[in-house]
Amino acid sequence: MAFASDDLTPLLAPSPKDDVKLRAGVVVSWDSATASNEIDVDGVILTDVPVLSTTAPLIAPGDVVQLLVSGRSWLVLGRVMTPGTPTANSP
C-alpha cells in the first residue's frame, strides 16, 4: 500500500463513519535517512507508511511499531519498547 499524499487531516478529524484504531506491525525494512519503510501487519506488507517524525531515527527492521488507523489512512506512531532496558534508547 503506497501513500501519495501528505494530508494527515483524516487522522485528526475522522468522519463519523471512520473508526480510529490502534494496530501493531513488525518492521520488515526501514531506511533511517528517509523513513522509507515496509511494515508487516497480519501478513500484509504496507509500504512507505507516513511516520511521526520524532520516532523515525530509533526504528529498525524487526521492531514492533504501533500504527494509528483511520479509514484508509495509516500513521506509524513509534516503536514499542520497555522503559529502563538497555535497548530503550537505541535502534
PDB file of N, CA and C in Angstrom:
ATOM      1  N   MET A   1       0.855  -1.165   0.000  1.00  0.00           N
ATOM      2  CA  MET A   1       0.000   0.000   0.000  1.00  0.00           C
ATOM      3  C   MET A   1       0.899   1.225   0.000  1.00  0.00           C
ATOM      4  N   ALA A   2       0.854   2.005  -1.044  1.00  0.00           N
ATOM      5  CA  ALA A   2       1.673   3.199  -1.145  1.00  0.00           C
ATOM      6  C   ALA A   2       0.840   4.419  -0.761  1.00  0.00           C
ATOM      7  N   PHE A   3       1.493   5.415  -0.217  1.00  0.00           N
ATOM      8  CA  PHE A   3       0.816   6.620   0.203  1.00  0.00           C
ATOM      9  C   PHE A   3       1.359   7.777  -0.615  1.00  0.00           C
ATOM     10  N   ALA A   4       0.489   8.445  -1.358  1.00  0.00           N
ATOM     11  CA  ALA A   4       0.921   9.515  -2.239  1.00  0.00           C
ATOM     12  C   ALA A   4       0.621  10.892  -1.664  1.00  0.00           C
ATOM     13  N   SER A   5      -0.074  10.975  -0.569  1.00  0.00           N
ATOM     14  CA  SER A   5      -0.483  12.254  -0.021  1.00  0.00           C
ATOM     15  C   SER A   5       0.130  12.488   1.351  1.00  0.00           C
ATOM     16  N   ASP A   6       0.484  13.742   1.600  1.00  0.00           N
ATOM     17  CA  ASP A   6       0.974  14.123   2.924  1.00  0.00           C
ATOM     18  C   ASP A   6      -0.165  14.636   3.797  1.00  0.00           C
ATOM     19  N   ASP A   7      -1.390  14.559   3.305  1.00  0.00           N
ATOM     20  CA  ASP A   7      -2.549  15.056   4.035  1.00  0.00           C
ATOM     21  C   ASP A   7      -2.926  14.100   5.154  1.00  0.00           C
ATOM     22  N   LEU A   8      -2.665  14.486   6.402  1.00  0.00           N
ATOM     23  CA  LEU A   8      -2.996  13.667   7.562  1.00  0.00           C
ATOM     24  C   LEU A   8      -4.296  14.120   8.225  1.00  0.00           C
ATOM     25  N   THR A   9      -5.024  15.014   7.571  1.00  0.00           N
ATOM     26  CA  THR A   9      -6.273  15.522   8.124  1.00  0.00           C
ATOM     27  C   THR A   9      -7.243  14.418   8.517  1.00  0.00           C
ATOM     28  N   PRO A  10      -7.404  13.352   7.706  1.00  0.00           N
ATOM     29  CA  PRO A  10      -8.339  12.294   8.113  1.00  0.00           C
ATOM     30  C   PRO A  10      -7.979  11.651   9.455  1.00  0.00           C
ATOM     31  N   LEU A  11      -6.708  11.663   9.815  1.00  0.00           N
ATOM     32  CA  LEU A  11      -6.303  11.107  11.104  1.00  0.00           C
ATOM     33  C   LEU A  11      -6.718  12.012  12.257  1.00  0.00           C
ATOM     34  N   LEU A  12      -6.758  13.309  11.998  1.00  0.00           N
ATOM     35  CA  LEU A  12      -7.073  14.261  13.054  1.00  0.00           C
ATOM     36  C   LEU A  12      -8.567  14.487  13.212  1.00  0.00           C
ATOM     37  N   ALA A  13      -9.304  14.412  12.132  1.00  0.00           N
ATOM     38  CA  ALA A  13     -10.745  14.663  12.183  1.00  0.00           C
ATOM     39  C   ALA A  13     -11.476  13.616  11.349  1.00  0.00           C
ATOM     40  N   PRO A  14     -11.543  12.379  11.844  1.00  0.00           N
ATOM     41  CA  PRO A  14     -12.204  11.334  11.056  1.00  0.00           C
ATOM     42  C   PRO A  14     -13.699  11.599  10.909  1.00  0.00           C
ATOM     43  N   SER A  15     -14.236  11.147   9.791  1.00  0.00           N
ATOM     44  CA  SER A  15     -15.669  11.285   9.595  1.00  0.00           C
ATOM     45  C   SER A  15     -16.385  10.364  10.576  1.00  0.00           C
ATOM     46  N   PRO A  16     -17.660  10.602  10.834  1.00  0.00           N
ATOM     47  CA  PRO A  16     -18.388   9.760  11.791  1.00  0.00           C
ATOM     48  C   PRO A  16     -18.374   8.276  11.432  1.00  0.00           C
ATOM     49  N   LYS A  17     -18.211   7.948  10.146  1.00  0.00           N
ATOM     50  CA  LYS A  17     -18.186   6.555   9.728  1.00  0.00           C
ATOM     51  C   LYS A  17     -16.852   5.878  10.042  1.00  0.00           C
ATOM     52  N   ASP A  18     -15.794   6.667  10.152  1.00  0.00           N
ATOM     53  CA  ASP A  18     -14.459   6.106  10.353  1.00  0.00           C
ATOM     54  C   ASP A  18     -14.201   5.791  11.821  1.00  0.00           C
ATOM     55  N   ASP A  19     -13.716   4.591  12.065  1.00  0.00           N
ATOM     56  CA  ASP A  19     -13.261   4.223  13.395  1.00  0.00           C
ATOM     57  C   ASP A  19     -11.765   4.486  13.462  1.00  0.00           C
ATOM     58  N   VAL A  20     -11.292   4.979  14.591  1.00  0.00           N
ATOM     59  CA  VAL A  20      -9.867   5.143  14.803  1.00  0.00           C
ATOM     60  C   VAL A  20      -9.403   3.918  15.563  1.00  0.00           C
ATOM     61  N   LYS A  21      -8.377   3.256  15.023  1.00  0.00           N
ATOM     62  CA  LYS A  21      -7.888   2.015  15.617  1.00  0.00           C
ATOM     63  C   LYS A  21      -6.391   2.099  15.842  1.00  0.00           C
ATOM     64  N   LEU A  22      -5.925   1.302  16.777  1.00  0.00           N
ATOM     65  CA  LEU A  22      -4.502   1.148  17.034  1.00  0.00           C
ATOM     66  C   LEU A  22      -4.129  -0.264  16.610  1.00  0.00           C
ATOM     67  N   ARG A  23      -3.114  -0.391  15.758  1.00  0.00           N
ATOM     68  CA  ARG A  23      -2.674  -1.694  15.275  1.00  0.00           C
ATOM     69  C   ARG A  23      -1.183  -1.836  15.540  1.00  0.00           C
ATOM     70  N   ALA A  24      -0.718  -3.058  15.578  1.00  0.00           N
ATOM     71  CA  ALA A  24       0.718  -3.323  15.725  1.00  0.00           C
ATOM     72  C   ALA A  24       1.222  -3.932  14.435  1.00  0.00           C
ATOM     73  N   GLY A  25       2.476  -3.652  14.113  1.00  0.00           N
ATOM     74  CA  GLY A  25       3.105  -4.225  12.936  1.00  0.00           C
ATOM     75  C   GLY A  25       4.572  -4.490  13.223  1.00  0.00           C
ATOM     76  N   VAL A  26       5.185  -5.319  12.384  1.00  0.00           N
ATOM     77  CA  VAL A  26       6.610  -5.624  12.510  1.00  0.00           C
ATOM     78  C   VAL A  26       7.329  -4.991  11.327  1.00  0.00           C
ATOM     79  N   VAL A  27       8.384  -4.250  11.608  1.00  0.00           N
ATOM     80  CA  VAL A  27       9.149  -3.577  10.562  1.00  0.00           C
ATOM     81  C   VAL A  27       9.935  -4.613   9.767  1.00  0.00           C
ATOM     82  N   VAL A  28       9.700  -4.633   8.457  1.00  0.00           N
ATOM     83  CA  VAL A  28      10.428  -5.530   7.550  1.00  0.00           C
ATOM     84  C   VAL A  28      11.679  -4.817   7.047  1.00  0.00           C
ATOM     85  N   SER A  29      11.521  -3.560   6.630  1.00  0.00           N
ATOM     86  CA  SER A  29      12.671  -2.751   6.216  1.00  0.00           C
ATOM     87  C   SER A  29      12.431  -1.308   6.629  1.00  0.00           C
ATOM     88  N   TRP A  30      13.536  -0.600   6.914  1.00  0.00           N
ATOM     89  CA  TRP A  30      13.437   0.791   7.364  1.00  0.00           C
ATOM     90  C   TRP A  30      14.710   1.519   6.957  1.00  0.00           C
ATOM     91  N   ASP A  31      14.570   2.631   6.263  1.00  0.00           N
ATOM     92  CA  ASP A  31      15.701   3.480   5.910  1.00  0.00           C
ATOM     93  C   ASP A  31      15.704   4.647   6.889  1.00  0.00           C
ATOM     94  N   SER A  32      16.677   4.668   7.794  1.00  0.00           N
ATOM     95  CA  SER A  32      16.686   5.697   8.845  1.00  0.00           C
ATOM     96  C   SER A  32      16.927   7.102   8.290  1.00  0.00           C
ATOM     97  N   ALA A  33      17.507   7.211   7.093  1.00  0.00           N
ATOM     98  CA  ALA A  33      17.744   8.527   6.499  1.00  0.00           C
ATOM     99  C   ALA A  33      16.481   9.109   5.870  1.00  0.00           C
ATOM    100  N   THR A  34      15.633   8.261   5.284  1.00  0.00           N
ATOM    101  CA  THR A  34      14.464   8.752   4.558  1.00  0.00           C
ATOM    102  C   THR A  34      13.135   8.325   5.178  1.00  0.00           C
ATOM    103  N   ALA A  35      13.178   7.387   6.127  1.00  0.00           N
ATOM    104  CA  ALA A  35      11.991   6.783   6.753  1.00  0.00           C
ATOM    105  C   ALA A  35      11.175   5.954   5.769  1.00  0.00           C
ATOM    106  N   SER A  36      11.739   5.662   4.596  1.00  0.00           N
ATOM    107  CA  SER A  36      11.087   4.728   3.674  1.00  0.00           C
ATOM    108  C   SER A  36      10.974   3.400   4.403  1.00  0.00           C
ATOM    109  N   ASN A  37       9.824   2.732   4.287  1.00  0.00           N
ATOM    110  CA  ASN A  37       9.612   1.571   5.133  1.00  0.00           C
ATOM    111  C   ASN A  37       8.718   0.520   4.507  1.00  0.00           C
ATOM    112  N   GLU A  38       8.812  -0.672   5.068  1.00  0.00           N
ATOM    113  CA  GLU A  38       7.876  -1.763   4.809  1.00  0.00           C
ATOM    114  C   GLU A  38       7.519  -2.339   6.164  1.00  0.00           C
ATOM    115  N   ILE A  39       6.208  -2.471   6.422  1.00  0.00           N
ATOM    116  CA  ILE A  39       5.740  -2.947   7.716  1.00  0.00           C
ATOM    117  C   ILE A  39       4.733  -4.071   7.494  1.00  0.00           C
ATOM    118  N   ASP A  40       4.945  -5.176   8.202  1.00  0.00           N
ATOM    119  CA  ASP A  40       4.062  -6.337   8.120  1.00  0.00           C
ATOM    120  C   ASP A  40       2.968  -6.204   9.177  1.00  0.00           C
ATOM    121  N   VAL A  41       1.720  -6.116   8.717  1.00  0.00           N
ATOM    122  CA  VAL A  41       0.573  -6.080   9.612  1.00  0.00           C
ATOM    123  C   VAL A  41      -0.294  -7.285   9.267  1.00  0.00           C
ATOM    124  N   ASP A  42      -0.245  -8.287  10.132  1.00  0.00           N
ATOM    125  CA  ASP A  42      -1.027  -9.515   9.925  1.00  0.00           C
ATOM    126  C   ASP A  42      -0.806 -10.133   8.556  1.00  0.00           C
ATOM    127  N   GLY A  43       0.456 -10.170   8.115  1.00  0.00           N
ATOM    128  CA  GLY A  43       0.792 -10.814   6.849  1.00  0.00           C
ATOM    129  C   GLY A  43       0.662  -9.928   5.621  1.00  0.00           C
ATOM    130  N   VAL A  44       0.195  -8.696   5.780  1.00  0.00           N
ATOM    131  CA  VAL A  44       0.096  -7.746   4.674  1.00  0.00           C
ATOM    132  C   VAL A  44       1.234  -6.743   4.819  1.00  0.00           C
ATOM    133  N   ILE A  45       2.020  -6.570   3.745  1.00  0.00           N
ATOM    134  CA  ILE A  45       3.137  -5.629   3.787  1.00  0.00           C
ATOM    135  C   ILE A  45       2.657  -4.254   3.334  1.00  0.00           C
ATOM    136  N   LEU A  46       2.760  -3.280   4.238  1.00  0.00           N
ATOM    137  CA  LEU A  46       2.449  -1.887   3.921  1.00  0.00           C
ATOM    138  C   LEU A  46       3.750  -1.195   3.546  1.00  0.00           C
ATOM    139  N   THR A  47       3.718  -0.362   2.512  1.00  0.00           N
ATOM    140  CA  THR A  47       4.930   0.286   2.012  1.00  0.00           C
ATOM    141  C   THR A  47       4.845   1.795   2.195  1.00  0.00           C
ATOM    142  N   ASP A  48       5.907   2.359   2.748  1.00  0.00           N
ATOM    143  CA  ASP A  48       6.048   3.804   2.938  1.00  0.00           C
ATOM    144  C   ASP A  48       4.876   4.430   3.682  1.00  0.00           C
ATOM    145  N   VAL A  49       4.579   3.852   4.830  1.00  0.00           N
ATOM    146  CA  VAL A  49       3.543   4.403   5.705  1.00  0.00           C
ATOM    147  C   VAL A  49       4.087   5.698   6.313  1.00  0.00           C
ATOM    148  N   PRO A  50       3.305   6.784   6.312  1.00  0.00           N
ATOM    149  CA  PRO A  50       3.759   8.018   6.957  1.00  0.00           C
ATOM    150  C   PRO A  50       4.113   7.743   8.420  1.00  0.00           C
ATOM    151  N   VAL A  51       5.072   8.511   8.945  1.00  0.00           N
ATOM    152  CA  VAL A  51       5.574   8.257  10.282  1.00  0.00           C
ATOM    153  C   VAL A  51       5.659   9.549  11.085  1.00  0.00           C
ATOM    154  N   LEU A  52       5.346   9.467  12.370  1.00  0.00           N
ATOM    155  CA  LEU A  52       5.544  10.591  13.273  1.00  0.00           C
ATOM    156  C   LEU A  52       7.047  10.857  13.298  1.00  0.00           C
ATOM    157  N   SER A  53       7.486  11.983  12.834  1.00  0.00           N
ATOM    158  CA  SER A  53       8.903  12.214  12.539  1.00  0.00           C
ATOM    159  C   SER A  53       9.844  12.044  13.727  1.00  0.00           C
ATOM    160  N   THR A  54       9.408  12.259  14.939  1.00  0.00           N
ATOM    161  CA  THR A  54      10.311  12.153  16.080  1.00  0.00           C
ATOM    162  C   THR A  54      10.710  10.715  16.380  1.00  0.00           C
ATOM    163  N   THR A  55       9.994   9.737  15.838  1.00  0.00           N
ATOM    164  CA  THR A  55      10.293   8.337  16.134  1.00  0.00           C
ATOM    165  C   THR A  55      11.194   7.688  15.088  1.00  0.00           C
ATOM    166  N   ALA A  56      11.312   8.261  13.919  1.00  0.00           N
ATOM    167  CA  ALA A  56      11.999   7.630  12.795  1.00  0.00           C
ATOM    168  C   ALA A  56      13.436   7.172  13.065  1.00  0.00           C
ATOM    169  N   PRO A  57      14.285   7.958  13.736  1.00  0.00           N
ATOM    170  CA  PRO A  57      15.678   7.525  13.905  1.00  0.00           C
ATOM    171  C   PRO A  57      15.860   6.263  14.762  1.00  0.00           C
ATOM    172  N   LEU A  58      14.910   5.927  15.609  1.00  0.00           N
ATOM    173  CA  LEU A  58      15.071   4.788  16.509  1.00  0.00           C
ATOM    174  C   LEU A  58      14.446   3.493  15.996  1.00  0.00           C
ATOM    175  N   ILE A  59      13.861   3.505  14.813  1.00  0.00           N
ATOM    176  CA  ILE A  59      13.171   2.326  14.289  1.00  0.00           C
ATOM    177  C   ILE A  59      14.111   1.538  13.385  1.00  0.00           C
ATOM    178  N   ALA A  60      14.056   0.207  13.515  1.00  0.00           N
ATOM    179  CA  ALA A  60      14.916  -0.680  12.725  1.00  0.00           C
ATOM    180  C   ALA A  60      14.141  -1.947  12.360  1.00  0.00           C
ATOM    181  N   PRO A  61      14.597  -2.676  11.329  1.00  0.00           N
ATOM    182  CA  PRO A  61      13.936  -3.937  10.977  1.00  0.00           C
ATOM    183  C   PRO A  61      13.833  -4.870  12.187  1.00  0.00           C
ATOM    184  N   GLY A  62      12.676  -5.519  12.301  1.00  0.00           N
ATOM    185  CA  GLY A  62      12.418  -6.423  13.421  1.00  0.00           C
ATOM    186  C   GLY A  62      11.687  -5.773  14.574  1.00  0.00           C
ATOM    187  N   ASP A  63      11.681  -4.439  14.633  1.00  0.00           N
ATOM    188  CA  ASP A  63      10.972  -3.735  15.710  1.00  0.00           C
ATOM    189  C   ASP A  63       9.465  -3.874  15.541  1.00  0.00           C
ATOM    190  N   VAL A  64       8.763  -3.887  16.662  1.00  0.00           N
ATOM    191  CA  VAL A  64       7.308  -3.821  16.657  1.00  0.00           C
ATOM    192  C   VAL A  64       6.948  -2.340  16.765  1.00  0.00           C
ATOM    193  N   VAL A  65       6.045  -1.888  15.877  1.00  0.00           N
ATOM    194  CA  VAL A  65       5.609  -0.497  15.897  1.00  0.00           C
ATOM    195  C   VAL A  65       4.104  -0.434  16.069  1.00  0.00           C
ATOM    196  N   GLN A  66       3.633   0.667  16.633  1.00  0.00           N
ATOM    197  CA  GLN A  66       2.208   0.924  16.757  1.00  0.00           C
ATOM    198  C   GLN A  66       1.787   1.833  15.606  1.00  0.00           C
ATOM    199  N   LEU A  67       0.635   1.519  15.023  1.00  0.00           N
ATOM    200  CA  LEU A  67       0.105   2.300  13.913  1.00  0.00           C
ATOM    201  C   LEU A  67      -1.288   2.796  14.258  1.00  0.00           C
ATOM    202  N   LEU A  68      -1.546   4.050  13.928  1.00  0.00           N
ATOM    203  CA  LEU A  68      -2.870   4.634  14.094  1.00  0.00           C
ATOM    204  C   LEU A  68      -3.569   4.504  12.749  1.00  0.00           C
ATOM    205  N   VAL A  69      -4.800   3.992  12.754  1.00  0.00           N
ATOM    206  CA  VAL A  69      -5.543   3.764  11.518  1.00  0.00           C
ATOM    207  C   VAL A  69      -6.878   4.482  11.594  1.00  0.00           C
ATOM    208  N   SER A  70      -7.191   5.220  10.558  1.00  0.00           N
ATOM    209  CA  SER A  70      -8.483   5.883  10.448  1.00  0.00           C
ATOM    210  C   SER A  70      -8.940   5.755   9.004  1.00  0.00           C
ATOM    211  N   GLY A  71      -9.986   4.974   8.791  1.00  0.00           N
ATOM    212  CA  GLY A  71     -10.426   4.736   7.419  1.00  0.00           C
ATOM    213  C   GLY A  71      -9.319   4.064   6.643  1.00  0.00           C
ATOM    214  N   ARG A  72      -8.888   4.693   5.550  1.00  0.00           N
ATOM    215  CA  ARG A  72      -7.792   4.143   4.738  1.00  0.00           C
ATOM    216  C   ARG A  72      -6.456   4.812   5.041  1.00  0.00           C
ATOM    217  N   SER A  73      -6.403   5.657   6.050  1.00  0.00           N
ATOM    218  CA  SER A  73      -5.168   6.365   6.408  1.00  0.00           C
ATOM    219  C   SER A  73      -4.448   5.650   7.547  1.00  0.00           C
ATOM    220  N   TRP A  74      -3.134   5.499   7.389  1.00  0.00           N
ATOM    221  CA  TRP A  74      -2.291   4.849   8.391  1.00  0.00           C
ATOM    222  C   TRP A  74      -1.170   5.799   8.796  1.00  0.00           C
ATOM    223  N   LEU A  75      -0.716   5.712  10.057  1.00  0.00           N
ATOM    224  CA  LEU A  75       0.385   6.531  10.558  1.00  0.00           C
ATOM    225  C   LEU A  75       1.172   5.719  11.573  1.00  0.00           C
ATOM    226  N   VAL A  76       2.490   5.628  11.375  1.00  0.00           N
ATOM    227  CA  VAL A  76       3.352   4.953  12.353  1.00  0.00           C
ATOM    228  C   VAL A  76       3.549   5.909  13.519  1.00  0.00           C
ATOM    229  N   LEU A  77       3.120   5.484  14.711  1.00  0.00           N
ATOM    230  CA  LEU A  77       3.288   6.314  15.906  1.00  0.00           C
ATOM    231  C   LEU A  77       4.675   6.148  16.520  1.00  0.00           C
ATOM    232  N   GLY A  78       5.200   4.952  16.470  1.00  0.00           N
ATOM    233  CA  GLY A  78       6.525   4.703  17.026  1.00  0.00           C
ATOM    234  C   GLY A  78       6.709   3.246  17.375  1.00  0.00           C
ATOM    235  N   ARG A  79       7.923   2.925  17.813  1.00  0.00           N
ATOM    236  CA  ARG A  79       8.216   1.534  18.149  1.00  0.00           C
ATOM    237  C   ARG A  79       7.832   1.227  19.584  1.00  0.00           C
ATOM    238  N   VAL A  80       7.553  -0.032  19.815  1.00  0.00           N
ATOM    239  CA  VAL A  80       7.195  -0.497  21.155  1.00  0.00           C
ATOM    240  C   VAL A  80       8.484  -0.895  21.852  1.00  0.00           C
ATOM    241  N   MET A  81       8.706  -0.355  23.063  1.00  0.00           N
ATOM    242  CA  MET A  81       9.920  -0.679  23.823  1.00  0.00           C
ATOM    243  C   MET A  81       9.588  -0.705  25.308  1.00  0.00           C
ATOM    244  N   THR A  82      10.432  -1.337  26.073  1.00  0.00           N
ATOM    245  CA  THR A  82      10.246  -1.410  27.515  1.00  0.00           C
ATOM    246  C   THR A  82      11.150  -0.378  28.185  1.00  0.00           C
ATOM    247  N   PRO A  83      10.588   0.597  28.888  1.00  0.00           N
ATOM    248  CA  PRO A  83      11.393   1.609  29.557  1.00  0.00           C
ATOM    249  C   PRO A  83      12.374   0.977  30.549  1.00  0.00           C
ATOM    250  N   GLY A  84      13.525   1.583  30.672  1.00  0.00           N
ATOM    251  CA  GLY A  84      14.514   1.126  31.632  1.00  0.00           C
ATOM    252  C   GLY A  84      15.387  -0.026  31.148  1.00  0.00           C
ATOM    253  N   THR A  85      15.183  -0.482  29.907  1.00  0.00           N
ATOM    254  CA  THR A  85      16.020  -1.552  29.366  1.00  0.00           C
ATOM    255  C   THR A  85      17.142  -0.950  28.538  1.00  0.00           C
ATOM    256  N   PRO A  86      18.235  -1.683  28.331  1.00  0.00           N
ATOM    257  CA  PRO A  86      19.365  -1.152  27.563  1.00  0.00           C
ATOM    258  C   PRO A  86      18.994  -0.760  26.123  1.00  0.00           C
ATOM    259  N   THR A  87      17.983  -1.381  25.571  1.00  0.00           N
ATOM    260  CA  THR A  87      17.617  -1.075  24.179  1.00  0.00           C
ATOM    261  C   THR A  87      16.561   0.035  24.053  1.00  0.00           C
ATOM    262  N   ALA A  88      16.142   0.601  25.146  1.00  0.00           N
ATOM    263  CA  ALA A  88      15.068   1.598  25.107  1.00  0.00           C
ATOM    264  C   ALA A  88      15.425   2.823  24.270  1.00  0.00           C
ATOM    265  N   ASN A  89      16.668   3.263  24.285  1.00  0.00           N
ATOM    266  CA  ASN A  89      17.059   4.459  23.539  1.00  0.00           C
ATOM    267  C   ASN A  89      18.005   4.169  22.399  1.00  0.00           C
ATOM    268  N   SER A  90      18.001   2.949  21.916  1.00  0.00           N
ATOM    269  CA  SER A  90      18.875   2.619  20.790  1.00  0.00           C
ATOM    270  C   SER A  90      18.078   1.887  19.732  1.00  0.00           C
ATOM    271  N   PRO A  91      18.538   1.985  18.475  1.00  0.00           N
ATOM    272  CA  PRO A  91      17.820   1.276  17.411  1.00  0.00           C
ATOM    273  C   PRO A  91      17.970  -0.229  17.528  1.00  0.00           C
TER     274      PRO A  91
END
